[in-house]
Amino acid sequence: MADNKPQIDEQTNALLKEISDWNGEEFKGAYNIRVNCSSAARKSTENIKIESKTDNPGLEVHIKPGTKGEQVFIPACVTHAKVDDLVYNDFFIGEDSDVIIIAGCGIHTETGEPARHNGIHRFFVGKNAKALYVEKHVGTGAKNSQRSIDPVTEAFLEEGSYLEMDTSQLGGVDSTKRKTKVTVGKEATLIIKEHLLTDGNDVVETDFYVEMNGDDSSVNLISRSVAKGNSKQTYRSNIVGNARCTGHSECDAILADHGIVSASPELTAANEDASLIHEAAIGKIAGEQILKLRTLGLTEEEAEQKIIEGFLK
């Protein structure tokens, strides 16, 4: 598909603002806007080329070696029910580059019928390259709708590379299965920050698997979540140290109402110089925190909301 200026309807416009800081005109950088299973607009730059895949629905994003200070946007929107969107996106991040990739998915439905987006992303991070990947998921519309987002992420980090993934899902998505698998090479660094908020009967499953295959590699997995209503969250992680490396996994969750959280962090050391740590903490909001904020004039509900907002940042 040739590059073209976006022609965005009102509902898509609202979702884009939620998930990718859309200004209503055009992204500054390379972009592809996906709406209801097809590309609505696309633009490449001199250093970032976006092309359609030939074997599956989705994109190949090629970032030239040495590219610095540029951004690429790949938001996906579903604006009505009975859509089951599946997309495969591959990112080839050239050596010595330093870029930001802003993704995300928004689903809006007004009926009780299902809608789903399944994004399968692969990242090939070149030697000494650095990338920040920002992903936001949100659902809007009628409460009785069935909105599902099931992201699958696989990444390969070459020597000296750095990948930071900042992912969030802060409401409106009824069902999510989040699977991430990463292979970390020599002197490479992986940081993943996950932020989740569930309510009602929402269900979320998170599954991280990281293999550290290069000496002096490092990984830091951080998951912060709040389970409200009757929602249920399941967190699983496994860091495998096959070389001299450092790994850390942290899962912190707050329960409210009748929410349920299950955390299963796992470590596998296959090298005597692998240093691996995991932490997990689940509990309710401390009463003294609520009391302190109420002395400042907030109601109990307002105080709880402020604490949750701060926790999920």
C-alpha atoms as a PDB file:
ATOM      1  CA  MET A   1       0.000   0.000   0.000  1.00  0.00           C
ATOM      2  CA  ALA A   2       1.327   3.468  -0.863  1.00  0.00           C
ATOM      3  CA  ASP A   3       1.855   6.170   1.735  1.00  0.00           C
ATOM      4  CA  ASN A   4      -1.220   8.327   2.286  1.00  0.00           C
ATOM      5  CA  LYS A   5      -2.529  10.959   4.670  1.00  0.00           C
ATOM      6  CA  PRO A   6      -4.827   9.552   7.381  1.00  0.00           C
ATOM      7  CA  GLN A   7      -8.605   9.762   6.904  1.00  0.00           C
ATOM      8  CA  ILE A   8      -9.787   8.912  10.424  1.00  0.00           C
ATOM      9  CA  ASP A   9     -13.398   8.697  11.615  1.00  0.00           C
ATOM     10  CA  GLU A  10     -14.574   9.982  14.990  1.00  0.00           C
ATOM     11  CA  GLN A  11     -14.470   6.675  16.869  1.00  0.00           C
ATOM     12  CA  THR A  12     -11.041   5.703  15.559  1.00  0.00           C
ATOM     13  CA  ASN A  13      -9.812   9.179  16.396  1.00  0.00           C
ATOM     14  CA  ALA A  14     -10.912   8.750  20.031  1.00  0.00           C
ATOM     15  CA  LEU A  15      -9.196   5.364  20.336  1.00  0.00           C
ATOM     16  CA  LEU A  16      -5.964   6.656  18.787  1.00  0.00           C
ATOM     17  CA  LYS A  17      -5.830   9.460  21.353  1.00  0.00           C
ATOM     18  CA  GLU A  18      -6.133   6.869  24.142  1.00  0.00           C
ATOM     19  CA  ILE A  19      -3.515   4.428  22.921  1.00  0.00           C
ATOM     20  CA  SER A  20      -0.928   6.474  21.052  1.00  0.00           C
ATOM     21  CA  ASP A  21      -1.230  10.203  21.885  1.00  0.00           C
ATOM     22  CA  TRP A  22      -2.704  10.917  18.458  1.00  0.00           C
ATOM     23  CA  ASN A  23      -3.039  14.662  17.827  1.00  0.00           C
ATOM     24  CA  GLY A  24      -5.869  14.325  15.312  1.00  0.00           C
ATOM     25  CA  GLU A  25      -3.705  15.190  12.303  1.00  0.00           C
ATOM     26  CA  GLU A  26      -0.642  13.054  11.673  1.00  0.00           C
ATOM     27  CA  PHE A  27       2.053  11.233  13.638  1.00  0.00           C
ATOM     28  CA  LYS A  28       5.526  12.762  13.626  1.00  0.00           C
ATOM     29  CA  GLY A  29       7.543   9.932  12.153  1.00  0.00           C
ATOM     30  CA  ALA A  30       6.856   6.678  10.350  1.00  0.00           C
ATOM     31  CA  TYR A  31       3.449   5.120  11.006  1.00  0.00           C
ATOM     32  CA  ASN A  32       0.855   2.561  10.066  1.00  0.00           C
ATOM     33  CA  ILE A  33      -2.713   2.890  11.358  1.00  0.00           C
ATOM     34  CA  ARG A  34      -4.655  -0.374  11.326  1.00  0.00           C
ATOM     35  CA  VAL A  35      -8.456  -0.234  11.567  1.00  0.00           C
ATOM     36  CA  ASN A  36     -10.740  -3.275  11.502  1.00  0.00           C
ATOM     37  CA  CYS A  37      -8.219  -5.665   9.914  1.00  0.00           C
ATOM     38  CA  SER A  38      -6.730  -3.359   7.274  1.00  0.00           C
ATOM     39  CA  SER A  39      -4.317  -0.457   6.947  1.00  0.00           C
ATOM     40  CA  ALA A  40      -6.077   2.917   7.013  1.00  0.00           C
ATOM     41  CA  ALA A  41      -2.940   5.018   6.522  1.00  0.00           C
ATOM     42  CA  ARG A  42       0.816   4.572   6.275  1.00  0.00           C
ATOM     43  CA  LYS A  43       3.959   6.632   5.996  1.00  0.00           C
ATOM     44  CA  SER A  44       7.622   5.626   5.830  1.00  0.00           C
ATOM     45  CA  THR A  45      10.648   7.853   6.356  1.00  0.00           C
ATOM     46  CA  GLU A  46      14.134   7.817   4.908  1.00  0.00           C
ATOM     47  CA  ASN A  47      15.406   5.657   7.783  1.00  0.00           C
ATOM     48  CA  ILE A  48      12.283   3.665   8.703  1.00  0.00           C
ATOM     49  CA  LYS A  49      10.531   1.651   6.013  1.00  0.00           C
ATOM     50  CA  ILE A  50       7.125   0.039   6.626  1.00  0.00           C
ATOM     51  CA  GLU A  51       6.069  -2.648   4.177  1.00  0.00           C
ATOM     52  CA  SER A  52       3.215  -5.150   4.026  1.00  0.00           C
ATOM     53  CA  LYS A  53       4.102  -8.773   4.686  1.00  0.00           C
ATOM     54  CA  THR A  54       3.683 -11.145   1.763  1.00  0.00           C
ATOM     55  CA  ASP A  55       2.887 -14.323   3.723  1.00  0.00           C
ATOM     56  CA  ASN A  56       0.582 -13.086   6.503  1.00  0.00           C
ATOM     57  CA  PRO A  57      -1.499 -10.026   7.376  1.00  0.00           C
ATOM     58  CA  GLY A  58       0.814  -7.492   8.959  1.00  0.00           C
ATOM     59  CA  LEU A  59       3.985  -5.468   8.548  1.00  0.00           C
ATOM     60  CA  GLU A  60       7.734  -5.547   8.219  1.00  0.00           C
ATOM     61  CA  VAL A  61       9.358  -2.499   9.786  1.00  0.00           C
ATOM     62  CA  HIS A  62      12.986  -1.984   8.758  1.00  0.00           C
ATOM     63  CA  ILE A  63      15.029   0.535  10.766  1.00  0.00           C
ATOM     64  CA  LYS A  64      18.359   1.454   9.186  1.00  0.00           C
ATOM     65  CA  PRO A  65      21.586   0.992  11.174  1.00  0.00           C
ATOM     66  CA  GLY A  66      22.591   4.168  12.997  1.00  0.00           C
ATOM     67  CA  THR A  67      19.076   5.654  13.051  1.00  0.00           C
ATOM     68  CA  LYS A  68      18.685   7.800  16.169  1.00  0.00           C
ATOM     69  CA  GLY A  69      15.940   9.935  17.673  1.00  0.00           C
ATOM     70  CA  GLU A  70      13.144   8.699  15.404  1.00  0.00           C
ATOM     71  CA  GLN A  71       9.763   7.184  16.237  1.00  0.00           C
ATOM     72  CA  VAL A  72       7.502   4.681  14.550  1.00  0.00           C
ATOM     73  CA  PHE A  73       3.777   4.326  15.367  1.00  0.00           C
ATOM     74  CA  ILE A  74       1.753   1.161  14.706  1.00  0.00           C
ATOM     75  CA  PRO A  75      -1.605   1.492  16.516  1.00  0.00           C
ATOM     76  CA  ALA A  76      -4.474  -0.898  15.790  1.00  0.00           C
ATOM     77  CA  CYS A  77      -8.158  -0.131  16.329  1.00  0.00           C
ATOM     78  CA  VAL A  78     -11.318  -2.215  16.275  1.00  0.00           C
ATOM     79  CA  THR A  79     -14.413  -0.017  16.183  1.00  0.00           C
ATOM     80  CA  HIS A  80     -17.296  -2.499  16.215  1.00  0.00           C
ATOM     81  CA  ALA A  81     -18.224  -6.044  17.238  1.00  0.00           C
ATOM     82  CA  LYS A  82     -17.835  -9.230  15.173  1.00  0.00           C
ATOM     83  CA  VAL A  83     -14.253  -8.334  14.226  1.00  0.00           C
ATOM     84  CA  ASP A  84     -11.503 -10.895  14.860  1.00  0.00           C
ATOM     85  CA  ASP A  85      -8.286  -9.122  13.899  1.00  0.00           C
ATOM     86  CA  LEU A  86      -5.010 -11.062  13.543  1.00  0.00           C
ATOM     87  CA  VAL A  87      -1.793  -9.291  12.572  1.00  0.00           C
ATOM     88  CA  TYR A  88       1.892 -10.283  12.362  1.00  0.00           C
ATOM     89  CA  ASN A  89       4.411  -7.458  12.712  1.00  0.00           C
ATOM     90  CA  ASP A  90       8.199  -7.897  12.456  1.00  0.00           C
ATOM     91  CA  PHE A  91      10.665  -5.186  13.506  1.00  0.00           C
ATOM     92  CA  PHE A  92      14.244  -5.245  12.226  1.00  0.00           C
ATOM     93  CA  ILE A  93      16.182  -2.742  14.335  1.00  0.00           C
ATOM     94  CA  GLY A  94      19.563  -1.986  12.777  1.00  0.00           C
ATOM     95  CA  GLU A  95      22.907  -1.853  14.577  1.00  0.00           C
ATOM     96  CA  ASP A  96      23.721   1.235  16.663  1.00  0.00           C
ATOM     97  CA  SER A  97      20.223   2.679  16.272  1.00  0.00           C
ATOM     98  CA  ASP A  98      18.190   4.311  19.058  1.00  0.00           C
ATOM     99  CA  VAL A  99      14.446   4.484  18.384  1.00  0.00           C
ATOM    100  CA  ILE A 100      10.994   4.526  19.986  1.00  0.00           C
ATOM    101  CA  ILE A 101       8.213   2.216  18.805  1.00  0.00           C
ATOM    102  CA  ILE A 102       4.693   3.173  19.920  1.00  0.00           C
ATOM    103  CA  ALA A 103       2.042   0.515  19.460  1.00  0.00           C
ATOM    104  CA  GLY A 104      -1.207  -0.298  21.218  1.00  0.00           C
ATOM    105  CA  CYS A 105      -4.716  -1.496  20.525  1.00  0.00           C
ATOM    106  CA  GLY A 106      -8.118   0.013  21.221  1.00  0.00           C
ATOM    107  CA  ILE A 107     -11.436  -1.814  20.894  1.00  0.00           C
ATOM    108  CA  HIS A 108     -14.818  -0.067  20.969  1.00  0.00           C
ATOM    109  CA  THR A 109     -18.078  -2.023  20.899  1.00  0.00           C
ATOM    110  CA  GLU A 110     -21.669  -1.175  21.786  1.00  0.00           C
ATOM    111  CA  THR A 111     -23.237  -4.656  21.769  1.00  0.00           C
ATOM    112  CA  GLY A 112     -22.725  -7.873  23.729  1.00  0.00           C
ATOM    113  CA  GLU A 113     -21.116  -9.536  20.727  1.00  0.00           C
ATOM    114  CA  PRO A 114     -17.374 -10.321  20.739  1.00  0.00           C
ATOM    115  CA  ALA A 115     -14.503  -8.378  19.189  1.00  0.00           C
ATOM    116  CA  ARG A 116     -10.836  -9.382  19.325  1.00  0.00           C
ATOM    117  CA  HIS A 117      -7.374  -8.201  18.344  1.00  0.00           C
ATOM    118  CA  ASN A 118      -4.406 -10.589  18.312  1.00  0.00           C
ATOM    119  CA  GLY A 119      -1.078  -8.890  17.604  1.00  0.00           C
ATOM    120  CA  ILE A 120       1.945 -11.145  17.077  1.00  0.00           C
ATOM    121  CA  HIS A 121       5.129  -9.071  17.193  1.00  0.00           C
ATOM    122  CA  ARG A 122       8.748 -10.083  16.669  1.00  0.00           C
ATOM    123  CA  PHE A 123      11.709  -7.825  17.409  1.00  0.00           C
ATOM    124  CA  PHE A 124      15.187  -8.403  15.993  1.00  0.00           C
ATOM    125  CA  VAL A 125      17.405  -5.954  17.875  1.00  0.00           C
ATOM    126  CA  GLY A 126      20.798  -5.506  16.217  1.00  0.00           C
ATOM    127  CA  LYS A 127      24.203  -5.198  17.832  1.00  0.00           C
ATOM    128  CA  ASN A 128      24.456  -2.194  20.185  1.00  0.00           C
ATOM    129  CA  ALA A 129      20.988  -1.020  19.142  1.00  0.00           C
ATOM    130  CA  LYS A 130      18.572   0.530  21.632  1.00  0.00           C
ATOM    131  CA  ALA A 131      14.773   0.488  21.426  1.00  0.00           C
ATOM    132  CA  LEU A 132      11.897   1.597  23.649  1.00  0.00           C
ATOM    133  CA  TYR A 133       8.604  -0.163  22.899  1.00  0.00           C
ATOM    134  CA  VAL A 134       5.438   1.427  24.342  1.00  0.00           C
ATOM    135  CA  GLU A 135       2.185  -0.523  24.173  1.00  0.00           C
ATOM    136  CA  LYS A 136      -1.216   0.563  25.503  1.00  0.00           C
ATOM    137  CA  HIS A 137      -4.398  -1.508  25.443  1.00  0.00           C
ATOM    138  CA  VAL A 138      -7.863  -0.133  26.158  1.00  0.00           C
ATOM    139  CA  GLY A 139     -11.490  -1.092  25.663  1.00  0.00           C
ATOM    140  CA  THR A 140     -14.432   1.319  25.478  1.00  0.00           C
ATOM    141  CA  GLY A 141     -18.165   1.140  24.900  1.00  0.00           C
ATOM    142  CA  ALA A 142     -20.981  -0.888  26.423  1.00  0.00           C
ATOM    143  CA  LYS A 143     -20.261  -2.764  29.641  1.00  0.00           C
ATOM    144  CA  ASN A 144     -21.869  -5.969  28.406  1.00  0.00           C
ATOM    145  CA  SER A 145     -19.506  -6.238  25.428  1.00  0.00           C
ATOM    146  CA  GLN A 146     -16.893  -8.966  24.975  1.00  0.00           C
ATOM    147  CA  ARG A 147     -13.580  -7.333  24.118  1.00  0.00           C
ATOM    148  CA  SER A 148     -10.416  -9.459  23.887  1.00  0.00           C
ATOM    149  CA  ILE A 149      -6.793  -8.492  23.221  1.00  0.00           C
ATOM    150  CA  ASP A 150      -4.196 -11.285  23.043  1.00  0.00           C
ATOM    151  CA  PRO A 151      -0.667  -9.976  22.360  1.00  0.00           C
ATOM    152  CA  VAL A 152       2.167 -12.384  21.577  1.00  0.00           C
ATOM    153  CA  THR A 153       5.695 -10.943  21.632  1.00  0.00           C
ATOM    154  CA  GLU A 154       9.002 -12.552  20.722  1.00  0.00           C
ATOM    155  CA  ALA A 155      12.332 -10.712  20.786  1.00  0.00           C
ATOM    156  CA  PHE A 156      15.940 -11.525  19.958  1.00  0.00           C
ATOM    157  CA  LEU A 157      18.613  -9.254  21.446  1.00  0.00           C
ATOM    158  CA  GLU A 158      22.053  -9.293  19.834  1.00  0.00           C
ATOM    159  CA  GLU A 159      25.327  -8.380  21.564  1.00  0.00           C
ATOM    160  CA  GLY A 160      25.261  -5.115  23.484  1.00  0.00           C
ATOM    161  CA  SER A 161      21.663  -4.296  22.566  1.00  0.00           C
ATOM    162  CA  TYR A 162      18.967  -2.820  24.830  1.00  0.00           C
ATOM    163  CA  LEU A 163      15.206  -3.330  24.679  1.00  0.00           C
ATOM    164  CA  GLU A 164      12.772  -1.698  27.089  1.00  0.00           C
ATOM    165  CA  MET A 165       9.103  -2.630  26.889  1.00  0.00           C
ATOM    166  CA  ASP A 166       6.540  -0.470  28.706  1.00  0.00           C
ATOM    167  CA  THR A 167       3.123  -2.117  28.441  1.00  0.00           C
ATOM    168  CA  SER A 168      -0.194  -1.165  30.011  1.00  0.00           C
ATOM    169  CA  GLN A 169      -3.815  -2.271  30.051  1.00  0.00           C
ATOM    170  CA  LEU A 170      -5.888   0.014  32.207  1.00  0.00           C
ATOM    171  CA  GLY A 171      -9.509  -0.887  31.691  1.00  0.00           C
ATOM    172  CA  GLY A 172     -12.289  -2.040  29.412  1.00  0.00           C
ATOM    173  CA  VAL A 173     -10.742  -5.292  28.136  1.00  0.00           C
ATOM    174  CA  ASP A 174     -12.655  -8.375  29.241  1.00  0.00           C
ATOM    175  CA  SER A 175     -10.147 -11.084  28.352  1.00  0.00           C
ATOM    176  CA  THR A 176      -6.400 -10.998  27.725  1.00  0.00           C
ATOM    177  CA  LYS A 177      -3.637 -13.534  27.246  1.00  0.00           C
ATOM    178  CA  ARG A 178      -0.239 -11.829  27.189  1.00  0.00           C
ATOM    179  CA  LYS A 179       2.668 -14.027  26.105  1.00  0.00           C
ATOM    180  CA  THR A 180       6.259 -12.782  25.859  1.00  0.00           C
ATOM    181  CA  LYS A 181       9.384 -14.766  24.973  1.00  0.00           C
ATOM    182  CA  VAL A 182      12.829 -13.167  24.726  1.00  0.00           C
ATOM    183  CA  THR A 183      16.338 -14.434  23.976  1.00  0.00           C
ATOM    184  CA  VAL A 184      19.055 -12.173  25.400  1.00  0.00           C
ATOM    185  CA  GLY A 185      22.576 -12.182  23.969  1.00  0.00           C
ATOM    186  CA  LYS A 186      26.000 -11.167  25.279  1.00  0.00           C
ATOM    187  CA  GLU A 187      26.038  -7.882  27.227  1.00  0.00           C
ATOM    188  CA  ALA A 188      22.443  -7.193  26.195  1.00  0.00           C
ATOM    189  CA  THR A 189      19.766  -5.725  28.479  1.00  0.00           C
ATOM    190  CA  LEU A 190      16.030  -6.390  28.649  1.00  0.00           C
ATOM    191  CA  ILE A 191      13.626  -4.346  30.794  1.00  0.00           C
ATOM    192  CA  ILE A 192       9.882  -5.055  30.855  1.00  0.00           C
ATOM    193  CA  LYS A 193       7.408  -2.916  32.801  1.00  0.00           C
ATOM    194  CA  GLU A 194       3.813  -4.140  32.872  1.00  0.00           C
ATOM    195  CA  HIS A 195       0.862  -2.177  34.309  1.00  0.00           C
ATOM    196  CA  LEU A 196      -2.567  -3.841  34.584  1.00  0.00           C
ATOM    197  CA  LEU A 197      -5.968  -2.773  35.912  1.00  0.00           C
ATOM    198  CA  THR A 198      -8.895  -5.191  35.824  1.00  0.00           C
ATOM    199  CA  ASP A 199     -12.488  -4.808  37.009  1.00  0.00           C
ATOM    200  CA  GLY A 200     -15.850  -6.556  36.739  1.00  0.00           C
ATOM    201  CA  ASN A 201     -15.313 -10.099  35.440  1.00  0.00           C
ATOM    202  CA  ASP A 202     -12.126  -9.307  33.492  1.00  0.00           C
ATOM    203  CA  VAL A 203      -9.565 -12.093  33.118  1.00  0.00           C
ATOM    204  CA  VAL A 204      -5.852 -11.524  32.410  1.00  0.00           C
ATOM    205  CA  GLU A 205      -3.061 -14.061  31.961  1.00  0.00           C
ATOM    206  CA  THR A 206       0.567 -12.917  31.752  1.00  0.00           C
ATOM    207  CA  ASP A 207       3.325 -15.319  30.737  1.00  0.00           C
ATOM    208  CA  PHE A 208       6.972 -14.190  30.513  1.00  0.00           C
ATOM    209  CA  TYR A 209       9.778 -16.503  29.390  1.00  0.00           C
ATOM    210  CA  VAL A 210      13.320 -15.146  29.085  1.00  0.00           C
ATOM    211  CA  GLU A 211      16.463 -17.058  28.098  1.00  0.00           C
ATOM    212  CA  MET A 212      19.740 -15.360  28.959  1.00  0.00           C
ATOM    213  CA  ASN A 213      22.285 -16.936  26.652  1.00  0.00           C
ATOM    214  CA  GLY A 214      25.111 -14.399  26.647  1.00  0.00           C
ATOM    215  CA  ASP A 215      27.671 -13.522  29.311  1.00  0.00           C
ATOM    216  CA  ASP A 216      27.013 -10.258  31.187  1.00  0.00           C
ATOM    217  CA  SER A 217      23.421 -10.099  29.973  1.00  0.00           C
ATOM    218  CA  SER A 218      20.704  -8.751  32.269  1.00  0.00           C
ATOM    219  CA  VAL A 219      16.928  -8.712  32.597  1.00  0.00           C
ATOM    220  CA  ASN A 220      14.470  -6.904  34.861  1.00  0.00           C
ATOM    221  CA  LEU A 221      10.775  -7.900  34.755  1.00  0.00           C
ATOM    222  CA  ILE A 222       8.397  -5.653  36.704  1.00  0.00           C
ATOM    223  CA  SER A 223       4.649  -6.263  36.852  1.00  0.00           C
ATOM    224  CA  ARG A 224       2.289  -4.012  38.804  1.00  0.00           C
ATOM    225  CA  SER A 225      -1.408  -4.733  38.802  1.00  0.00           C
ATOM    226  CA  VAL A 226      -4.706  -3.955  40.500  1.00  0.00           C
ATOM    227  CA  ALA A 227      -7.571  -6.471  40.530  1.00  0.00           C
ATOM    228  CA  LYS A 228     -10.982  -4.947  41.310  1.00  0.00           C
ATOM    229  CA  GLY A 229     -14.534  -6.294  41.163  1.00  0.00           C
ATOM    230  CA  ASN A 230     -14.597 -10.029  40.466  1.00  0.00           C
ATOM    231  CA  SER A 231     -11.651  -9.913  38.088  1.00  0.00           C
ATOM    232  CA  LYS A 232      -8.909 -12.516  37.984  1.00  0.00           C
ATOM    233  CA  GLN A 233      -5.230 -12.162  37.114  1.00  0.00           C
ATOM    234  CA  THR A 234      -2.615 -14.856  36.626  1.00  0.00           C
ATOM    235  CA  TYR A 235       1.099 -14.000  36.457  1.00  0.00           C
ATOM    236  CA  ARG A 236       3.758 -16.487  35.385  1.00  0.00           C
ATOM    237  CA  SER A 237       7.404 -15.798  34.650  1.00  0.00           C
ATOM    238  CA  ASN A 238      10.492 -17.906  34.072  1.00  0.00           C
ATOM    239  CA  ILE A 239      13.981 -16.463  33.764  1.00  0.00           C
ATOM    240  CA  VAL A 240      16.508 -19.004  32.477  1.00  0.00           C
ATOM    241  CA  GLY A 241      20.177 -18.192  33.081  1.00  0.00           C
ATOM    242  CA  ASN A 242      22.365 -20.125  30.638  1.00  0.00           C
ATOM    243  CA  ALA A 243      25.386 -17.842  31.045  1.00  0.00           C
ATOM    244  CA  ARG A 244      27.021 -15.388  33.443  1.00  0.00           C
ATOM    245  CA  CYS A 245      24.101 -13.027  33.905  1.00  0.00           C
ATOM    246  CA  THR A 246      21.795 -11.166  36.285  1.00  0.00           C
ATOM    247  CA  GLY A 247      18.031 -11.543  36.333  1.00  0.00           C
ATOM    248  CA  HIS A 248      15.265 -10.045  38.452  1.00  0.00           C
ATOM    249  CA  SER A 249      11.500 -10.599  38.433  1.00  0.00           C
ATOM    250  CA  GLU A 250       9.065  -8.554  40.533  1.00  0.00           C
ATOM    251  CA  CYS A 251       5.287  -8.962  40.735  1.00  0.00           C
ATOM    252  CA  ASP A 252       3.322  -6.541  42.949  1.00  0.00           C
ATOM    253  CA  ALA A 253      -0.471  -6.646  43.055  1.00  0.00           C
ATOM    254  CA  ILE A 254      -3.246  -4.845  44.912  1.00  0.00           C
ATOM    255  CA  LEU A 255      -6.570  -6.540  45.611  1.00  0.00           C
ATOM    256  CA  ALA A 256      -9.844  -4.648  45.880  1.00  0.00           C
ATOM    257  CA  ASP A 257     -13.423  -5.899  46.223  1.00  0.00           C
ATOM    258  CA  HIS A 258     -13.337  -9.620  45.286  1.00  0.00           C
ATOM    259  CA  GLY A 259     -10.386  -9.583  42.886  1.00  0.00           C
ATOM    260  CA  ILE A 260      -8.090 -12.627  42.622  1.00  0.00           C
ATOM    261  CA  VAL A 261      -4.378 -12.623  41.746  1.00  0.00           C
ATOM    262  CA  SER A 262      -2.159 -15.669  41.305  1.00  0.00           C
ATOM    263  CA  ALA A 263       1.617 -15.166  40.936  1.00  0.00           C
ATOM    264  CA  SER A 264       4.100 -17.881  39.927  1.00  0.00           C
ATOM    265  CA  PRO A 265       7.597 -16.476  39.385  1.00  0.00           C
ATOM    266  CA  GLU A 266      10.162 -19.127  38.423  1.00  0.00           C
ATOM    267  CA  LEU A 267      13.949 -19.102  38.055  1.00  0.00           C
ATOM    268  CA  THR A 268      16.126 -21.630  36.237  1.00  0.00           C
ATOM    269  CA  ALA A 269      19.904 -21.363  36.634  1.00  0.00           C
ATOM    270  CA  ALA A 270      22.001 -23.438  34.224  1.00  0.00           C
ATOM    271  CA  ASN A 271      25.288 -21.623  34.875  1.00  0.00           C
ATOM    272  CA  GLU A 272      27.096 -21.235  38.186  1.00  0.00           C
ATOM    273  CA  ASP A 273      27.560 -17.517  37.500  1.00  0.00           C
ATOM    274  CA  ALA A 274      23.882 -16.842  36.899  1.00  0.00           C
ATOM    275  CA  SER A 275      22.506 -14.516  39.593  1.00  0.00           C
ATOM    276  CA  LEU A 276      18.697 -14.646  39.613  1.00  0.00           C
ATOM    277  CA  ILE A 277      16.143 -13.134  42.024  1.00  0.00           C
ATOM    278  CA  HIS A 278      12.365 -13.073  42.127  1.00  0.00           C
ATOM    279  CA  GLU A 279       9.880 -11.213  44.329  1.00  0.00           C
ATOM    280  CA  ALA A 280       6.096 -11.372  44.606  1.00  0.00           C
ATOM    281  CA  ALA A 281       3.753  -9.381  46.856  1.00  0.00           C
ATOM    282  CA  ILE A 282      -0.051  -9.364  46.878  1.00  0.00           C
ATOM    283  CA  GLY A 283      -2.247  -7.428  49.299  1.00  0.00           C
ATOM    284  CA  LYS A 284      -4.856  -4.742  49.804  1.00  0.00           C
ATOM    285  CA  ILE A 285      -4.363  -1.005  50.098  1.00  0.00           C
ATOM    286  CA  ALA A 286      -3.041  -0.151  53.549  1.00  0.00           C
ATOM    287  CA  GLY A 287      -5.565   1.567  55.816  1.00  0.00           C
ATOM    288  CA  GLU A 288      -3.080   4.216  56.890  1.00  0.00           C
ATOM    289  CA  GLN A 289      -2.620   5.286  53.262  1.00  0.00           C
ATOM    290  CA  ILE A 290      -6.370   5.858  52.916  1.00  0.00           C
ATOM    291  CA  LEU A 291      -6.497   7.707  56.251  1.00  0.00           C
ATOM    292  CA  LYS A 292      -3.629  10.017  55.338  1.00  0.00           C
ATOM    293  CA  LEU A 293      -5.285  11.087  52.093  1.00  0.00           C
ATOM    294  CA  ARG A 294      -8.663  11.535  53.781  1.00  0.00           C
ATOM    295  CA  THR A 295      -7.081  14.043  56.161  1.00  0.00           C
ATOM    296  CA  LEU A 296      -6.301  16.079  53.044  1.00  0.00           C
ATOM    297  CA  GLY A 297     -10.001  16.264  52.176  1.00  0.00           C
ATOM    298  CA  LEU A 298     -10.449  13.282  49.876  1.00  0.00           C
ATOM    299  CA  THR A 299     -13.273  10.792  50.206  1.00  0.00           C
ATOM    300  CA  GLU A 300     -12.395   7.128  50.725  1.00  0.00           C
ATOM    301  CA  GLU A 301     -13.160   6.378  47.056  1.00  0.00           C
ATOM    302  CA  GLU A 302     -11.043   9.319  45.867  1.00  0.00           C
ATOM    303  CA  ALA A 303      -8.173   8.287  48.139  1.00  0.00           C
ATOM    304  CA  GLU A 304      -8.265   4.717  46.820  1.00  0.00           C
ATOM    305  CA  GLN A 305      -8.237   5.963  43.221  1.00  0.00           C
ATOM    306  CA  LYS A 306      -5.222   8.217  43.882  1.00  0.00           C
ATOM    307  CA  ILE A 307      -3.296   5.330  45.424  1.00  0.00           C
ATOM    308  CA  ILE A 308      -4.084   3.053  42.489  1.00  0.00           C
ATOM    309  CA  GLU A 309      -3.060   5.695  39.948  1.00  0.00           C
ATOM    310  CA  GLY A 310       0.263   6.210  41.693  1.00  0.00           C
ATOM    311  CA  PHE A 311       0.887   2.476  42.007  1.00  0.00           C
ATOM    312  CA  LEU A 312       0.303   1.826  38.298  1.00  0.00           C
ATOM    313  CA  LYS A 313       2.581   4.601  37.023  1.00  0.00           C
END
